[in-house]
Amino acid sequence: MMIKSDFEVAESLDTVWDFFADIPQVAACLPGAELSDQVGDDKYEGNVLISLGPVKLEFDGAAEILERREADRTIVVDAAGSDKKGRGQAALQLKAALTPAPAGTNVSVALDLQLSGAVAQYGRGLIADVTAVLLDDFALNMQNRLEAVAQGLDPDQVASVKPASGMAIGLRAVRMALARVFRRFFLPYRPPAS
């Protein structure tokens, strides 16, 4: 499933590009993600924990930077992992492209997520909504970390990232699903322009 998101950070293109070069710093922005080891050039091992009510998914896996293109400020990351309880696997390829924006830098993220096994049963809509919530949190955490770095502060002390758990993510995902249903059933149909 393809999930796309765009967000803007109030820092220069060069500053944001330098930030993306520090993969542990980038991973620290994603709720529930933790890198445990760097196992080679641009290769990392770690885990991701997502808890939503009774559903708790914990993946062990690895990530590798496939491409880092300075010319168009694009980075491509490939990651895969298995649920610790053997309920399934996840694989993703993430492409982030940076472009200048009036107030800083625009970050366009395209995430191709593939789930298999029991974890895939949670439904495409729920998974897409929870992923969108996590990407929103990633954007906010990234902005906080960049601001801390700009002020000469230790970003780990100022911008702590909470685990990806709790009712907040669930409520935000439900709100997104309800908005989608509302748009589908209650907004007037507009035929495509010919």
C-alpha atoms as a PDB file:
ATOM      1  CA  MET A   1       0.000   0.000   0.000  1.00  0.00           C
ATOM      2  CA  MET A   2       1.321   3.416  -0.951  1.00  0.00           C
ATOM      3  CA  ILE A   3       1.066   6.208   1.606  1.00  0.00           C
ATOM      4  CA  LYS A   4       2.140   9.735   0.762  1.00  0.00           C
ATOM      5  CA  SER A   5       2.658  12.730   2.981  1.00  0.00           C
ATOM      6  CA  ASP A   6       4.056  16.223   2.610  1.00  0.00           C
ATOM      7  CA  PHE A   7       5.098  18.536   5.389  1.00  0.00           C
ATOM      8  CA  GLU A   8       7.137  21.678   5.769  1.00  0.00           C
ATOM      9  CA  VAL A   9       9.865  22.394   8.302  1.00  0.00           C
ATOM     10  CA  ALA A  10      11.100  25.883   9.105  1.00  0.00           C
ATOM     11  CA  GLU A  11      14.765  25.185   8.349  1.00  0.00           C
ATOM     12  CA  SER A  12      16.900  25.616   5.254  1.00  0.00           C
ATOM     13  CA  LEU A  13      17.200  22.904   2.628  1.00  0.00           C
ATOM     14  CA  ASP A  14      20.869  22.312   3.511  1.00  0.00           C
ATOM     15  CA  THR A  15      20.083  22.005   7.227  1.00  0.00           C
ATOM     16  CA  VAL A  16      17.313  19.462   6.626  1.00  0.00           C
ATOM     17  CA  TRP A  17      19.481  17.501   4.162  1.00  0.00           C
ATOM     18  CA  ASP A  18      22.285  17.336   6.758  1.00  0.00           C
ATOM     19  CA  PHE A  19      19.731  16.139   9.304  1.00  0.00           C
ATOM     20  CA  PHE A  20      18.664  13.290   6.983  1.00  0.00           C
ATOM     21  CA  ALA A  21      22.313  12.210   6.763  1.00  0.00           C
ATOM     22  CA  ASP A  22      22.187  11.338  10.492  1.00  0.00           C
ATOM     23  CA  ILE A  23      19.999   8.226  10.381  1.00  0.00           C
ATOM     24  CA  PRO A  24      19.862   7.642  14.171  1.00  0.00           C
ATOM     25  CA  GLN A  25      18.620  11.233  14.538  1.00  0.00           C
ATOM     26  CA  VAL A  26      15.957  10.664  11.860  1.00  0.00           C
ATOM     27  CA  ALA A  27      14.864   7.358  13.427  1.00  0.00           C
ATOM     28  CA  ALA A  28      14.518   9.099  16.790  1.00  0.00           C
ATOM     29  CA  CYS A  29      11.713  11.204  15.257  1.00  0.00           C
ATOM     30  CA  LEU A  30       9.492   8.214  14.472  1.00  0.00           C
ATOM     31  CA  PRO A  31       7.370   7.199  17.470  1.00  0.00           C
ATOM     32  CA  GLY A  32       8.071   3.636  18.530  1.00  0.00           C
ATOM     33  CA  ALA A  33      11.240   3.236  16.416  1.00  0.00           C
ATOM     34  CA  GLU A  34      14.625   2.490  17.926  1.00  0.00           C
ATOM     35  CA  LEU A  35      17.916   1.731  16.223  1.00  0.00           C
ATOM     36  CA  SER A  36      20.051  -0.720  18.148  1.00  0.00           C
ATOM     37  CA  ASP A  37      23.118  -1.176  15.918  1.00  0.00           C
ATOM     38  CA  GLN A  38      24.843   0.114  12.838  1.00  0.00           C
ATOM     39  CA  VAL A  39      25.917  -3.083  11.078  1.00  0.00           C
ATOM     40  CA  GLY A  40      27.612  -1.575   8.043  1.00  0.00           C
ATOM     41  CA  ASP A  41      27.732   1.463   5.826  1.00  0.00           C
ATOM     42  CA  ASP A  42      24.157   2.756   5.724  1.00  0.00           C
ATOM     43  CA  LYS A  43      22.846  -0.476   7.309  1.00  0.00           C
ATOM     44  CA  TYR A  44      21.071  -0.539  10.676  1.00  0.00           C
ATOM     45  CA  GLU A  45      19.215  -2.947  12.932  1.00  0.00           C
ATOM     46  CA  GLY A  46      16.469  -2.001  15.330  1.00  0.00           C
ATOM     47  CA  ASN A  47      12.864  -2.448  16.316  1.00  0.00           C
ATOM     48  CA  VAL A  48       9.494  -0.737  16.022  1.00  0.00           C
ATOM     49  CA  LEU A  49       6.769  -0.964  18.665  1.00  0.00           C
ATOM     50  CA  ILE A  50       3.208   0.134  17.918  1.00  0.00           C
ATOM     51  CA  SER A  51       0.492  -0.352  20.493  1.00  0.00           C
ATOM     52  CA  LEU A  52      -3.136   0.526  19.825  1.00  0.00           C
ATOM     53  CA  GLY A  53      -5.459  -0.670  22.557  1.00  0.00           C
ATOM     54  CA  PRO A  54      -5.291  -4.484  22.661  1.00  0.00           C
ATOM     55  CA  VAL A  55      -3.228  -4.587  19.468  1.00  0.00           C
ATOM     56  CA  LYS A  56       0.498  -4.543  20.134  1.00  0.00           C
ATOM     57  CA  LEU A  57       2.920  -5.038  17.281  1.00  0.00           C
ATOM     58  CA  GLU A  58       6.642  -5.250  17.851  1.00  0.00           C
ATOM     59  CA  PHE A  59       8.928  -5.771  14.884  1.00  0.00           C
ATOM     60  CA  ASP A  60      12.636  -6.597  14.854  1.00  0.00           C
ATOM     61  CA  GLY A  61      14.297  -5.769  11.599  1.00  0.00           C
ATOM     62  CA  ALA A  62      16.862  -3.993   9.531  1.00  0.00           C
ATOM     63  CA  ALA A  63      17.023  -0.878   7.391  1.00  0.00           C
ATOM     64  CA  GLU A  64      19.379   0.102   4.615  1.00  0.00           C
ATOM     65  CA  ILE A  65      19.818   3.329   2.714  1.00  0.00           C
ATOM     66  CA  LEU A  66      19.605   2.341  -0.935  1.00  0.00           C
ATOM     67  CA  GLU A  67      20.142   5.785  -2.422  1.00  0.00           C
ATOM     68  CA  ARG A  68      21.245   9.179  -1.203  1.00  0.00           C
ATOM     69  CA  ARG A  69      21.162  11.657  -4.091  1.00  0.00           C
ATOM     70  CA  GLU A  70      22.680  15.040  -3.341  1.00  0.00           C
ATOM     71  CA  ALA A  71      21.657  16.523  -6.712  1.00  0.00           C
ATOM     72  CA  ASP A  72      17.903  16.337  -6.084  1.00  0.00           C
ATOM     73  CA  ARG A  73      18.054  15.916  -2.276  1.00  0.00           C
ATOM     74  CA  THR A  74      16.403  12.501  -2.271  1.00  0.00           C
ATOM     75  CA  ILE A  75      16.956   9.559   0.029  1.00  0.00           C
ATOM     76  CA  VAL A  76      15.562   6.037  -0.410  1.00  0.00           C
ATOM     77  CA  VAL A  77      15.420   3.623   2.537  1.00  0.00           C
ATOM     78  CA  ASP A  78      14.502  -0.061   2.432  1.00  0.00           C
ATOM     79  CA  ALA A  79      13.406  -1.749   5.667  1.00  0.00           C
ATOM     80  CA  ALA A  80      11.936  -5.096   6.682  1.00  0.00           C
ATOM     81  CA  GLY A  81      11.078  -6.812   9.917  1.00  0.00           C
ATOM     82  CA  SER A  82       9.215  -9.649  11.577  1.00  0.00           C
ATOM     83  CA  ASP A  83       6.783  -9.445  14.460  1.00  0.00           C
ATOM     84  CA  LYS A  84       8.410 -10.816  17.616  1.00  0.00           C
ATOM     85  CA  LYS A  85       5.415 -13.067  18.255  1.00  0.00           C
ATOM     86  CA  GLY A  86       5.540 -14.524  14.753  1.00  0.00           C
ATOM     87  CA  ARG A  87       2.278 -12.943  13.601  1.00  0.00           C
ATOM     88  CA  GLY A  88       3.632 -11.561  10.372  1.00  0.00           C
ATOM     89  CA  GLN A  89       6.129  -9.474   8.547  1.00  0.00           C
ATOM     90  CA  ALA A  90       6.411  -5.928   7.274  1.00  0.00           C
ATOM     91  CA  ALA A  91       8.508  -4.468   4.512  1.00  0.00           C
ATOM     92  CA  LEU A  92       8.659  -0.902   3.360  1.00  0.00           C
ATOM     93  CA  GLN A  93      10.467   1.335   0.998  1.00  0.00           C
ATOM     94  CA  LEU A  94      10.523   4.993   1.905  1.00  0.00           C
ATOM     95  CA  LYS A  95      11.482   7.795  -0.429  1.00  0.00           C
ATOM     96  CA  ALA A  96      11.935  11.293   0.995  1.00  0.00           C
ATOM     97  CA  ALA A  97      12.501  14.220  -1.353  1.00  0.00           C
ATOM     98  CA  LEU A  98      13.431  17.683  -0.098  1.00  0.00           C
ATOM     99  CA  THR A  99      12.605  20.883  -1.954  1.00  0.00           C
ATOM    100  CA  PRO A 100      12.883  24.558  -1.000  1.00  0.00           C
ATOM    101  CA  ALA A 101       9.735  26.147   0.393  1.00  0.00           C
ATOM    102  CA  PRO A 102       8.932  29.784   1.216  1.00  0.00           C
ATOM    103  CA  ALA A 103       9.254  29.213   4.971  1.00  0.00           C
ATOM    104  CA  GLY A 104      11.970  26.533   4.896  1.00  0.00           C
ATOM    105  CA  THR A 105      11.944  23.077   3.346  1.00  0.00           C
ATOM    106  CA  ASN A 106       9.179  20.872   2.013  1.00  0.00           C
ATOM    107  CA  VAL A 107       9.587  17.153   2.754  1.00  0.00           C
ATOM    108  CA  SER A 108       7.655  14.774   0.480  1.00  0.00           C
ATOM    109  CA  VAL A 109       7.464  11.216   1.761  1.00  0.00           C
ATOM    110  CA  ALA A 110       6.265   8.226  -0.257  1.00  0.00           C
ATOM    111  CA  LEU A 111       5.991   5.043   1.782  1.00  0.00           C
ATOM    112  CA  ASP A 112       5.309   1.712   0.096  1.00  0.00           C
ATOM    113  CA  LEU A 113       4.249  -0.585   2.943  1.00  0.00           C
ATOM    114  CA  GLN A 114       3.695  -4.336   2.542  1.00  0.00           C
ATOM    115  CA  LEU A 115       2.300  -6.474   5.371  1.00  0.00           C
ATOM    116  CA  SER A 116       1.872 -10.230   5.449  1.00  0.00           C
ATOM    117  CA  GLY A 117       0.586 -12.762   7.924  1.00  0.00           C
ATOM    118  CA  ALA A 118      -1.809 -11.990  10.753  1.00  0.00           C
ATOM    119  CA  VAL A 119      -0.723  -8.342  10.973  1.00  0.00           C
ATOM    120  CA  ALA A 120      -2.262  -7.737   7.541  1.00  0.00           C
ATOM    121  CA  GLN A 121      -5.750  -8.526   8.933  1.00  0.00           C
ATOM    122  CA  TYR A 122      -6.075  -5.149  10.611  1.00  0.00           C
ATOM    123  CA  GLY A 123      -7.273  -3.666   7.362  1.00  0.00           C
ATOM    124  CA  ARG A 124      -5.853  -1.323   4.804  1.00  0.00           C
ATOM    125  CA  GLY A 125      -7.827   1.694   6.095  1.00  0.00           C
ATOM    126  CA  LEU A 126      -6.742   1.344   9.714  1.00  0.00           C
ATOM    127  CA  ILE A 127      -3.113   0.733   8.779  1.00  0.00           C
ATOM    128  CA  ALA A 128      -3.084   3.717   6.410  1.00  0.00           C
ATOM    129  CA  ASP A 129      -4.677   5.970   9.048  1.00  0.00           C
ATOM    130  CA  VAL A 130      -2.293   4.903  11.820  1.00  0.00           C
ATOM    131  CA  THR A 131       0.666   5.335   9.441  1.00  0.00           C
ATOM    132  CA  ALA A 132      -0.568   8.830   8.533  1.00  0.00           C
ATOM    133  CA  VAL A 133      -0.779   9.715  12.245  1.00  0.00           C
ATOM    134  CA  LEU A 134       2.767   8.422  12.783  1.00  0.00           C
ATOM    135  CA  LEU A 135       4.026  10.485   9.819  1.00  0.00           C
ATOM    136  CA  ASP A 136       2.369  13.598  11.306  1.00  0.00           C
ATOM    137  CA  ASP A 137       4.113  12.884  14.611  1.00  0.00           C
ATOM    138  CA  PHE A 138       7.377  12.315  12.735  1.00  0.00           C
ATOM    139  CA  ALA A 139       7.061  15.775  11.119  1.00  0.00           C
ATOM    140  CA  LEU A 140       6.448  17.474  14.479  1.00  0.00           C
ATOM    141  CA  ASN A 141       9.290  15.589  16.186  1.00  0.00           C
ATOM    142  CA  MET A 142      11.639  16.425  13.322  1.00  0.00           C
ATOM    143  CA  GLN A 143      10.822  20.134  13.577  1.00  0.00           C
ATOM    144  CA  ASN A 144      11.408  20.030  17.357  1.00  0.00           C
ATOM    145  CA  ARG A 145      14.766  18.285  16.943  1.00  0.00           C
ATOM    146  CA  LEU A 146      15.878  20.686  14.213  1.00  0.00           C
ATOM    147  CA  GLU A 147      14.963  23.662  16.422  1.00  0.00           C
ATOM    148  CA  ALA A 148      16.907  22.168  19.319  1.00  0.00           C
ATOM    149  CA  VAL A 149      19.973  21.645  17.118  1.00  0.00           C
ATOM    150  CA  ALA A 150      19.700  25.230  15.783  1.00  0.00           C
ATOM    151  CA  GLN A 151      19.693  26.525  19.371  1.00  0.00           C
ATOM    152  CA  GLY A 152      22.740  24.440  20.267  1.00  0.00           C
ATOM    153  CA  LEU A 153      20.732  22.201  22.593  1.00  0.00           C
ATOM    154  CA  ASP A 154      20.852  18.433  22.905  1.00  0.00           C
ATOM    155  CA  PRO A 155      17.803  17.283  20.911  1.00  0.00           C
ATOM    156  CA  ASP A 156      17.519  14.114  22.999  1.00  0.00           C
ATOM    157  CA  GLN A 157      16.929  16.238  26.091  1.00  0.00           C
ATOM    158  CA  VAL A 158      14.523  18.746  24.539  1.00  0.00           C
ATOM    159  CA  ALA A 159      12.425  16.790  22.060  1.00  0.00           C
ATOM    160  CA  SER A 160      11.730  13.418  23.572  1.00  0.00           C
ATOM    161  CA  VAL A 161       9.654  11.127  21.380  1.00  0.00           C
ATOM    162  CA  LYS A 162       6.870   9.140  22.979  1.00  0.00           C
ATOM    163  CA  PRO A 163       6.262   5.522  22.033  1.00  0.00           C
ATOM    164  CA  ALA A 164       3.683   4.861  19.334  1.00  0.00           C
ATOM    165  CA  SER A 165       0.950   3.802  21.692  1.00  0.00           C
ATOM    166  CA  GLY A 166      -2.157   4.755  23.509  1.00  0.00           C
ATOM    167  CA  MET A 167      -5.579   6.108  22.851  1.00  0.00           C
ATOM    168  CA  ALA A 168      -4.328   9.282  21.139  1.00  0.00           C
ATOM    169  CA  ILE A 169      -3.217   7.442  17.999  1.00  0.00           C
ATOM    170  CA  GLY A 170      -6.401   5.390  17.972  1.00  0.00           C
ATOM    171  CA  LEU A 171      -8.630   8.429  18.324  1.00  0.00           C
ATOM    172  CA  ARG A 172      -6.781  10.339  15.639  1.00  0.00           C
ATOM    173  CA  ALA A 173      -6.988   7.351  13.272  1.00  0.00           C
ATOM    174  CA  VAL A 174     -10.732   6.951  13.978  1.00  0.00           C
ATOM    175  CA  ARG A 175     -11.245  10.669  13.337  1.00  0.00           C
ATOM    176  CA  MET A 176      -9.490  10.304   9.959  1.00  0.00           C
ATOM    177  CA  ALA A 177     -11.656   7.299   9.063  1.00  0.00           C
ATOM    178  CA  LEU A 178     -14.861   9.125  10.030  1.00  0.00           C
ATOM    179  CA  ALA A 179     -13.838  12.165   7.975  1.00  0.00           C
ATOM    180  CA  ARG A 180     -13.248   9.887   4.985  1.00  0.00           C
ATOM    181  CA  VAL A 181     -16.709   8.298   5.423  1.00  0.00           C
ATOM    182  CA  PHE A 182     -18.324  11.710   5.840  1.00  0.00           C
ATOM    183  CA  ARG A 183     -16.725  12.985   2.627  1.00  0.00           C
ATOM    184  CA  ARG A 184     -17.756   9.861   0.736  1.00  0.00           C
ATOM    185  CA  PHE A 185     -21.419   9.844   1.790  1.00  0.00           C
ATOM    186  CA  PHE A 186     -22.375  13.410   2.621  1.00  0.00           C
ATOM    187  CA  LEU A 187     -20.535  15.694   0.247  1.00  0.00           C
ATOM    188  CA  PRO A 188     -22.225  16.242  -3.100  1.00  0.00           C
ATOM    189  CA  TYR A 189     -20.943  14.282  -6.054  1.00  0.00           C
ATOM    190  CA  ARG A 190     -19.136  16.394  -8.593  1.00  0.00           C
ATOM    191  CA  PRO A 191     -18.645  14.750 -11.964  1.00  0.00           C
ATOM    192  CA  PRO A 192     -15.211  15.146 -13.512  1.00  0.00           C
ATOM    193  CA  ALA A 193     -14.782  18.118 -15.822  1.00  0.00           C
ATOM    194  CA  SER A 194     -14.858  17.140 -19.462  1.00  0.00           C
END
